[in-house]
Amino acid sequence: MVLASWYLSNRSTLWRLDSTLPPPGDCLKIPSSKPVLSSLIQGMRYLSLLLLGPWIVVLACIYWVAFKRSRVTWLHAAYDMMVVIVALGAAYGLALVAYDEVVIQDVGQLGRESGSIWKQVMPALYGYGAFAAVMVLGMALRFAFWRRKRAGTRAL
């Protein structure tokens, strides 16, 4: 009861104190004056990589294990390691490029033509496509190079 009467008697003072508060958008700022929301949006760039990452690691391990018996010298192992590293780098790079290139449609008269989910789907598709292309090219070159080398040693 005492609190309610105090509030009613000091209502105008409280309203003036309330008007000195910063606008609601300023509450999202961290001490370095960078908005928290923008750092969250920057983190969304890597969400597609997080979703794509486990599948790419599984495919890289399958590649590594599949050709385990055919690695007879350190050059074979170095070639396979290079293919996996280049494929991972290509997937990472193209996924980031795809995230920047996807344009979300404006809201039209009937709503959005496409949702913002494509900001995550397209980088995953580009990253997987780049990874698969490099791995297939690496396997094709591996078969072509090592088969030619084996055929040349048998002729001797």
Protein backbone atom coordinates (compact mmCIF):
# COMPACT_ATOMS: atom_id res chain seq x y z
CA MET A 1 0.00 0.00 0.00
CA VAL A 2 2.81 2.36 0.89
CA LEU A 3 4.62 1.48 -2.35
CA ALA A 4 1.52 2.16 -4.44
CA SER A 5 0.97 5.59 -2.83
CA TRP A 6 4.66 6.46 -3.30
CA TYR A 7 4.43 5.45 -6.98
CA LEU A 8 1.29 7.55 -7.53
CA SER A 9 2.85 10.60 -5.88
CA ASN A 10 6.15 10.30 -7.81
CA ARG A 11 4.72 9.23 -11.16
CA SER A 12 5.80 12.36 -13.02
CA THR A 13 9.36 12.13 -11.67
CA LEU A 14 9.63 8.50 -12.70
CA TRP A 15 8.39 9.36 -16.18
CA ARG A 16 11.10 12.01 -16.52
CA LEU A 17 13.73 9.51 -15.39
CA ASP A 18 12.36 7.04 -17.89
CA SER A 19 12.73 9.53 -20.74
CA THR A 20 16.46 9.88 -20.06
CA LEU A 21 17.08 6.19 -20.78
CA PRO A 22 18.77 5.37 -24.07
CA PRO A 23 16.61 4.24 -26.98
CA PRO A 24 15.88 0.49 -27.11
CA GLY A 25 18.29 -0.11 -30.03
CA ASP A 26 21.23 1.17 -27.99
CA CYS A 27 20.73 -1.58 -25.42
CA LEU A 28 22.17 -4.09 -27.91
CA LYS A 29 25.56 -2.42 -27.98
CA ILE A 30 28.59 -3.88 -26.29
CA PRO A 31 31.20 -1.61 -24.67
CA SER A 32 33.24 -1.37 -27.87
CA SER A 33 30.13 0.20 -29.47
CA LYS A 34 29.70 -2.68 -31.93
CA PRO A 35 26.16 -4.01 -32.00
CA VAL A 36 25.74 -7.53 -30.70
CA LEU A 37 23.30 -8.21 -33.51
CA SER A 38 25.93 -7.58 -36.19
CA SER A 39 28.34 -10.02 -34.55
CA LEU A 40 25.60 -12.63 -34.52
CA ILE A 41 24.92 -12.00 -38.19
CA GLN A 42 28.64 -12.36 -38.95
CA GLY A 43 28.56 -15.68 -37.12
CA MET A 44 25.74 -16.86 -39.38
CA ARG A 45 28.24 -16.95 -42.25
CA TYR A 46 29.75 -20.05 -40.70
CA LEU A 47 26.51 -21.87 -39.91
CA SER A 48 26.44 -23.56 -43.29
CA LEU A 49 30.03 -24.72 -42.77
CA LEU A 50 29.04 -26.13 -39.41
CA LEU A 51 26.20 -28.03 -41.04
CA LEU A 52 28.36 -29.19 -43.94
CA GLY A 53 31.48 -29.95 -41.92
CA PRO A 54 30.69 -33.41 -40.55
CA TRP A 55 29.68 -34.76 -43.94
CA ILE A 56 32.84 -33.39 -45.56
CA VAL A 57 35.00 -34.91 -42.82
CA VAL A 58 33.31 -38.29 -43.37
CA LEU A 59 33.95 -38.11 -47.12
CA ALA A 60 37.58 -37.08 -46.58
CA CYS A 61 38.08 -40.04 -44.22
CA ILE A 62 36.50 -42.41 -46.73
CA TYR A 63 38.90 -41.12 -49.41
CA TRP A 64 41.85 -41.51 -47.06
CA VAL A 65 40.92 -45.07 -46.05
CA ALA A 66 39.93 -46.21 -49.55
CA PHE A 67 43.41 -45.63 -50.95
CA LYS A 68 45.33 -46.74 -47.87
CA ARG A 69 46.77 -49.89 -49.47
CA SER A 70 47.90 -48.13 -52.63
CA ARG A 71 50.15 -45.67 -50.78
CA VAL A 72 53.49 -47.34 -51.25
CA THR A 73 55.72 -44.27 -51.01
CA TRP A 74 55.57 -40.97 -49.20
CA LEU A 75 54.69 -39.29 -52.52
CA HIS A 76 51.39 -41.17 -52.63
CA ALA A 77 50.56 -40.08 -49.09
CA ALA A 78 51.60 -36.49 -49.84
CA TYR A 79 49.43 -36.43 -52.96
CA ASP A 80 46.40 -37.77 -51.07
CA MET A 81 46.95 -35.28 -48.24
CA MET A 82 47.23 -32.44 -50.76
CA VAL A 83 43.97 -33.48 -52.46
CA VAL A 84 42.11 -33.55 -49.13
CA ILE A 85 43.52 -30.19 -48.00
CA VAL A 86 42.77 -28.49 -51.33
CA ALA A 87 39.23 -29.93 -51.29
CA LEU A 88 38.62 -28.67 -47.76
CA GLY A 89 39.99 -25.25 -48.68
CA ALA A 90 37.85 -25.06 -51.81
CA ALA A 91 34.73 -26.02 -49.85
CA TYR A 92 35.46 -23.39 -47.20
CA GLY A 93 36.23 -20.65 -49.71
CA LEU A 94 33.27 -21.27 -52.00
CA ALA A 95 30.86 -21.53 -49.07
CA LEU A 96 31.92 -18.09 -47.83
CA VAL A 97 31.72 -16.63 -51.33
CA ALA A 98 28.25 -18.13 -51.81
CA TYR A 99 27.03 -16.65 -48.52
CA ASP A 100 28.08 -13.19 -49.66
CA GLU A 101 26.59 -13.62 -53.15
CA VAL A 102 23.11 -14.85 -52.19
CA VAL A 103 20.59 -12.03 -52.43
CA ILE A 104 17.45 -12.25 -50.34
CA GLN A 105 14.46 -10.98 -52.25
CA ASP A 106 12.57 -7.95 -50.98
CA VAL A 107 9.14 -8.33 -49.51
CA GLY A 108 6.62 -7.89 -52.28
CA GLN A 109 2.89 -7.53 -52.34
CA LEU A 110 2.35 -11.22 -51.55
CA GLY A 111 5.36 -11.69 -49.27
CA ARG A 112 8.88 -12.81 -49.97
CA GLU A 113 9.57 -14.67 -53.16
CA SER A 114 12.19 -16.76 -51.41
CA GLY A 115 13.01 -17.10 -47.76
CA SER A 116 16.20 -16.28 -45.96
CA ILE A 117 16.96 -20.00 -45.61
CA TRP A 118 18.77 -19.75 -48.95
CA LYS A 119 21.48 -17.76 -47.16
CA GLN A 120 22.40 -21.08 -45.52
CA VAL A 121 21.44 -23.57 -48.23
CA MET A 122 23.44 -22.08 -51.11
CA PRO A 123 26.78 -21.95 -49.24
CA ALA A 124 26.33 -25.58 -48.25
CA LEU A 125 25.60 -26.54 -51.85
CA TYR A 126 28.53 -24.54 -53.22
CA GLY A 127 30.88 -25.90 -50.56
CA TYR A 128 29.83 -29.49 -51.17
CA GLY A 129 30.07 -29.02 -54.93
CA ALA A 130 33.59 -27.62 -54.68
CA PHE A 131 34.67 -30.40 -52.32
CA ALA A 132 33.22 -33.11 -54.57
CA ALA A 133 34.74 -31.57 -57.72
CA VAL A 134 38.23 -31.42 -56.23
CA MET A 135 37.97 -34.95 -54.83
CA VAL A 136 36.75 -36.40 -58.16
CA LEU A 137 39.48 -34.55 -60.05
CA GLY A 138 42.06 -35.77 -57.51
CA MET A 139 40.90 -39.38 -57.89
CA ALA A 140 40.89 -39.15 -61.70
CA LEU A 141 44.41 -37.72 -61.74
CA ARG A 142 45.53 -40.31 -59.21
CA PHE A 143 44.24 -43.20 -61.33
CA ALA A 144 45.61 -41.73 -64.55
CA PHE A 145 49.04 -40.91 -63.11
CA TRP A 146 49.62 -44.06 -61.05
CA ARG A 147 48.23 -46.41 -63.73
CA ARG A 148 50.53 -44.88 -66.34
CA LYS A 149 53.44 -45.19 -63.95
CA ARG A 150 52.62 -48.84 -63.17
CA ALA A 151 52.23 -49.63 -66.88
CA GLY A 152 55.62 -48.05 -67.55
CA THR A 153 57.36 -50.12 -64.85
CA ARG A 154 55.89 -53.40 -66.12
CA ALA A 155 57.23 -52.78 -69.60
CA LEU A 156 60.75 -52.63 -68.25
